[in-house]
């Protein structure tokens, strides 16, 4: 039981770090557009849409389990902050 609690704690910390990273990247969208980096800005807008979808799924009953499964197995639904570092 203790191992599961530790594992859940690490997972929740990972989620928190990912959300913090997404927030920082979202704040940078206006500067990306100003500098003419439209592809990067479009990628960030897509990440916002992905995060919105995950939040909606999280809210429904049993959504925490579904969101975990989505983040673990469906890689295209992950925002860029949740991609493993070795994929970059």
N, C-alpha and C. Protein backbone atom coordinates (compact mmCIF):
# COMPACT_ATOMS: atom_id res chain seq x y z
N UNK A 1 0.82 -1.19 0.00
CA UNK A 1 0.00 0.00 0.00
C UNK A 1 0.86 1.25 0.00
N UNK A 2 1.97 1.20 0.74
CA UNK A 2 2.86 2.35 0.83
C UNK A 2 3.51 2.65 -0.52
N UNK A 3 3.82 1.61 -1.30
CA UNK A 3 4.41 1.79 -2.62
C UNK A 3 3.42 2.50 -3.55
N UNK A 4 2.15 2.15 -3.44
CA UNK A 4 1.15 2.78 -4.29
C UNK A 4 0.98 4.25 -3.95
N UNK A 5 1.06 4.58 -2.67
CA UNK A 5 0.95 5.98 -2.26
C UNK A 5 2.14 6.78 -2.79
N UNK A 6 3.33 6.20 -2.71
CA UNK A 6 4.52 6.87 -3.22
C UNK A 6 4.42 7.04 -4.73
N UNK A 7 3.95 6.02 -5.42
CA UNK A 7 3.79 6.08 -6.86
C UNK A 7 2.77 7.15 -7.25
N UNK A 8 1.66 7.23 -6.53
CA UNK A 8 0.65 8.24 -6.81
C UNK A 8 1.19 9.64 -6.54
N UNK A 9 2.00 9.77 -5.50
CA UNK A 9 2.59 11.07 -5.16
C UNK A 9 3.53 11.54 -6.28
N UNK A 10 4.34 10.63 -6.80
CA UNK A 10 5.23 10.97 -7.91
C UNK A 10 4.43 11.35 -9.15
N UNK A 11 3.36 10.61 -9.41
CA UNK A 11 2.53 10.91 -10.58
C UNK A 11 1.89 12.28 -10.45
N UNK A 12 1.37 12.60 -9.27
CA UNK A 12 0.73 13.90 -9.08
C UNK A 12 1.75 15.03 -9.16
N UNK A 13 2.98 14.81 -8.71
CA UNK A 13 4.02 15.82 -8.86
C UNK A 13 4.36 16.03 -10.33
N UNK A 14 4.38 14.93 -11.10
CA UNK A 14 4.63 15.01 -12.54
C UNK A 14 3.53 15.83 -13.22
N UNK A 15 2.29 15.59 -12.84
CA UNK A 15 1.16 16.34 -13.40
C UNK A 15 1.32 17.83 -13.05
N UNK A 16 1.67 18.14 -11.82
CA UNK A 16 1.84 19.52 -11.39
C UNK A 16 2.95 20.23 -12.16
N UNK A 17 4.06 19.55 -12.36
CA UNK A 17 5.17 20.13 -13.12
C UNK A 17 4.75 20.36 -14.57
N UNK A 18 4.01 19.42 -15.13
CA UNK A 18 3.54 19.57 -16.51
C UNK A 18 2.59 20.74 -16.66
N UNK A 19 1.68 20.90 -15.70
CA UNK A 19 0.75 22.03 -15.75
C UNK A 19 1.49 23.35 -15.60
N UNK A 20 2.49 23.39 -14.74
CA UNK A 20 3.29 24.60 -14.57
C UNK A 20 4.04 24.94 -15.86
N UNK A 21 4.60 23.95 -16.51
CA UNK A 21 5.30 24.16 -17.77
C UNK A 21 4.35 24.67 -18.84
N UNK A 22 3.16 24.08 -18.92
CA UNK A 22 2.17 24.53 -19.90
C UNK A 22 1.76 25.97 -19.64
N UNK A 23 1.61 26.35 -18.40
CA UNK A 23 1.25 27.72 -18.07
C UNK A 23 2.33 28.69 -18.55
N UNK A 24 3.59 28.35 -18.30
CA UNK A 24 4.69 29.21 -18.73
C UNK A 24 4.73 29.32 -20.26
N UNK A 25 4.49 28.20 -20.95
CA UNK A 25 4.51 28.23 -22.41
C UNK A 25 3.31 29.00 -22.96
N UNK A 26 2.17 28.94 -22.28
CA UNK A 26 0.98 29.65 -22.71
C UNK A 26 1.19 31.16 -22.59
N UNK A 27 1.87 31.57 -21.56
CA UNK A 27 2.14 33.00 -21.36
C UNK A 27 3.04 33.52 -22.48
N UNK A 28 3.85 32.66 -23.09
CA UNK A 28 4.78 33.08 -24.13
C UNK A 28 4.14 33.18 -25.51
N UNK A 29 2.87 32.83 -25.68
CA UNK A 29 2.23 32.84 -27.00
C UNK A 29 2.26 34.23 -27.64
N UNK A 30 1.90 35.31 -26.95
CA UNK A 30 1.94 36.62 -27.61
C UNK A 30 3.34 37.00 -28.13
N UNK A 31 4.37 36.68 -27.37
CA UNK A 31 5.73 37.00 -27.83
C UNK A 31 6.12 36.15 -29.04
N UNK A 32 5.64 34.90 -29.09
CA UNK A 32 5.91 34.06 -30.25
C UNK A 32 5.26 34.65 -31.50
N UNK A 33 4.03 35.12 -31.36
CA UNK A 33 3.33 35.71 -32.50
C UNK A 33 4.02 37.00 -32.93
N UNK A 34 4.42 37.79 -31.95
CA UNK A 34 5.10 39.06 -32.23
C UNK A 34 6.41 38.83 -32.99
N UNK A 35 7.11 37.75 -32.66
CA UNK A 35 8.38 37.43 -33.31
C UNK A 35 8.21 36.65 -34.61
N UNK A 36 6.97 36.38 -35.00
CA UNK A 36 6.72 35.68 -36.26
C UNK A 36 6.88 34.18 -36.18
N UNK A 37 6.88 33.61 -35.01
CA UNK A 37 7.01 32.16 -34.85
C UNK A 37 5.61 31.55 -34.75
N UNK A 38 4.94 31.51 -35.89
CA UNK A 38 3.53 31.13 -35.90
C UNK A 38 3.32 29.63 -35.66
N UNK A 39 4.25 28.79 -36.12
CA UNK A 39 4.10 27.35 -35.91
C UNK A 39 4.19 27.00 -34.43
N UNK A 40 5.13 27.63 -33.73
CA UNK A 40 5.26 27.37 -32.30
C UNK A 40 4.03 27.86 -31.54
N UNK A 41 3.51 29.03 -31.95
CA UNK A 41 2.30 29.57 -31.31
C UNK A 41 1.11 28.66 -31.58
N UNK A 42 1.00 28.13 -32.79
CA UNK A 42 -0.10 27.21 -33.11
C UNK A 42 0.02 25.93 -32.29
N UNK A 43 1.24 25.46 -32.09
CA UNK A 43 1.45 24.28 -31.25
C UNK A 43 1.01 24.52 -29.82
N UNK A 44 1.27 25.71 -29.32
CA UNK A 44 0.84 26.04 -27.95
C UNK A 44 -0.67 26.15 -27.85
N UNK A 45 -1.32 26.70 -28.88
CA UNK A 45 -2.78 26.76 -28.87
C UNK A 45 -3.36 25.35 -28.91
N UNK A 46 -2.74 24.46 -29.66
CA UNK A 46 -3.19 23.06 -29.69
C UNK A 46 -3.01 22.42 -28.31
N UNK A 47 -1.92 22.75 -27.62
CA UNK A 47 -1.71 22.24 -26.26
C UNK A 47 -2.79 22.74 -25.30
N UNK A 48 -3.21 24.00 -25.47
CA UNK A 48 -4.29 24.53 -24.63
C UNK A 48 -5.57 23.74 -24.86
N UNK A 49 -5.86 23.43 -26.12
CA UNK A 49 -7.06 22.64 -26.43
C UNK A 49 -6.97 21.24 -25.82
N UNK A 50 -5.79 20.63 -25.89
CA UNK A 50 -5.60 19.31 -25.29
C UNK A 50 -5.80 19.36 -23.78
N UNK A 51 -5.25 20.40 -23.14
CA UNK A 51 -5.42 20.53 -21.69
C UNK A 51 -6.88 20.74 -21.33
N UNK A 52 -7.59 21.53 -22.14
CA UNK A 52 -9.01 21.74 -21.90
C UNK A 52 -9.79 20.44 -21.97
N UNK A 53 -9.47 19.62 -22.96
CA UNK A 53 -10.13 18.32 -23.08
C UNK A 53 -9.85 17.42 -21.90
N UNK A 54 -8.61 17.42 -21.44
CA UNK A 54 -8.26 16.59 -20.28
C UNK A 54 -8.96 17.08 -19.01
N UNK A 55 -9.11 18.40 -18.88
CA UNK A 55 -9.80 18.94 -17.71
C UNK A 55 -11.27 18.53 -17.73
N UNK A 56 -11.89 18.58 -18.91
CA UNK A 56 -13.29 18.17 -19.02
C UNK A 56 -13.45 16.70 -18.65
N UNK A 57 -12.54 15.87 -19.14
CA UNK A 57 -12.60 14.44 -18.81
C UNK A 57 -12.37 14.24 -17.32
N UNK A 58 -11.48 15.02 -16.72
CA UNK A 58 -11.17 14.90 -15.29
C UNK A 58 -12.40 15.17 -14.43
N UNK A 59 -13.25 16.11 -14.88
CA UNK A 59 -14.40 16.53 -14.08
C UNK A 59 -15.49 15.46 -14.01
N UNK A 60 -15.70 14.69 -15.08
CA UNK A 60 -16.77 13.70 -15.07
C UNK A 60 -16.47 12.61 -14.03
N UNK A 61 -17.50 11.95 -13.53
CA UNK A 61 -17.26 10.88 -12.55
C UNK A 61 -16.34 9.78 -13.11
N UNK A 62 -15.32 9.46 -12.38
CA UNK A 62 -14.35 8.47 -12.82
C UNK A 62 -13.34 9.04 -13.80
N UNK A 63 -13.35 10.34 -13.97
CA UNK A 63 -12.49 10.99 -14.95
C UNK A 63 -11.02 10.95 -14.60
N UNK A 64 -10.69 10.88 -13.32
CA UNK A 64 -9.28 10.81 -12.93
C UNK A 64 -8.63 9.56 -13.49
N UNK A 65 -9.35 8.46 -13.45
CA UNK A 65 -8.82 7.20 -13.99
C UNK A 65 -8.70 7.29 -15.50
N UNK A 66 -9.71 7.84 -16.14
CA UNK A 66 -9.70 7.96 -17.61
C UNK A 66 -8.57 8.90 -18.05
N UNK A 67 -8.40 10.02 -17.34
CA UNK A 67 -7.33 10.95 -17.68
C UNK A 67 -5.96 10.30 -17.52
N UNK A 68 -5.79 9.52 -16.50
CA UNK A 68 -4.52 8.81 -16.30
C UNK A 68 -4.25 7.86 -17.44
N UNK A 69 -5.26 7.13 -17.87
CA UNK A 69 -5.11 6.20 -18.98
C UNK A 69 -4.77 6.96 -20.26
N UNK A 70 -5.45 8.09 -20.49
CA UNK A 70 -5.17 8.89 -21.68
C UNK A 70 -3.73 9.39 -21.67
N UNK A 71 -3.29 9.92 -20.54
CA UNK A 71 -1.92 10.43 -20.47
C UNK A 71 -0.88 9.33 -20.61
N UNK A 72 -1.22 8.13 -20.14
CA UNK A 72 -0.25 7.04 -20.18
C UNK A 72 -0.16 6.38 -21.57
N UNK A 73 -1.31 6.17 -22.23
CA UNK A 73 -1.31 5.35 -23.43
C UNK A 73 -1.57 6.10 -24.73
N UNK A 74 -2.29 7.19 -24.71
CA UNK A 74 -2.63 7.88 -25.94
C UNK A 74 -1.73 9.10 -26.08
N UNK A 75 -0.59 8.92 -26.74
CA UNK A 75 0.46 9.91 -26.75
C UNK A 75 0.09 11.19 -27.50
N UNK A 76 -0.75 11.11 -28.52
CA UNK A 76 -1.11 12.31 -29.27
C UNK A 76 -2.05 13.22 -28.49
N UNK A 77 -2.69 12.72 -27.45
CA UNK A 77 -3.58 13.55 -26.63
C UNK A 77 -2.82 14.28 -25.55
N UNK A 78 -1.54 13.99 -25.40
CA UNK A 78 -0.73 14.64 -24.37
C UNK A 78 -0.29 16.02 -24.84
N UNK A 79 -0.40 17.00 -23.97
CA UNK A 79 0.24 18.29 -24.26
C UNK A 79 1.76 18.12 -24.24
N UNK A 80 2.47 19.05 -24.84
CA UNK A 80 3.93 18.90 -24.99
C UNK A 80 4.66 18.79 -23.66
N UNK A 81 4.13 19.37 -22.62
CA UNK A 81 4.80 19.30 -21.31
C UNK A 81 4.77 17.90 -20.71
N UNK A 82 3.90 17.04 -21.21
CA UNK A 82 3.78 15.69 -20.66
C UNK A 82 4.50 14.65 -21.52
N UNK A 83 5.22 15.08 -22.55
CA UNK A 83 5.98 14.14 -23.35
C UNK A 83 7.27 13.80 -22.62
N UNK A 84 7.68 12.54 -22.66
CA UNK A 84 8.95 12.19 -22.03
C UNK A 84 10.10 12.95 -22.69
N UNK A 85 11.12 13.23 -21.94
CA UNK A 85 12.24 14.02 -22.44
C UNK A 85 12.99 13.31 -23.56
N UNK A 86 12.97 11.98 -23.60
CA UNK A 86 13.71 11.25 -24.64
C UNK A 86 13.03 11.34 -26.00
N UNK A 87 11.76 11.77 -26.07
CA UNK A 87 11.07 11.91 -27.35
C UNK A 87 11.41 13.22 -28.03
N UNK A 88 11.95 14.19 -27.29
CA UNK A 88 12.22 15.52 -27.86
C UNK A 88 13.49 15.54 -28.62
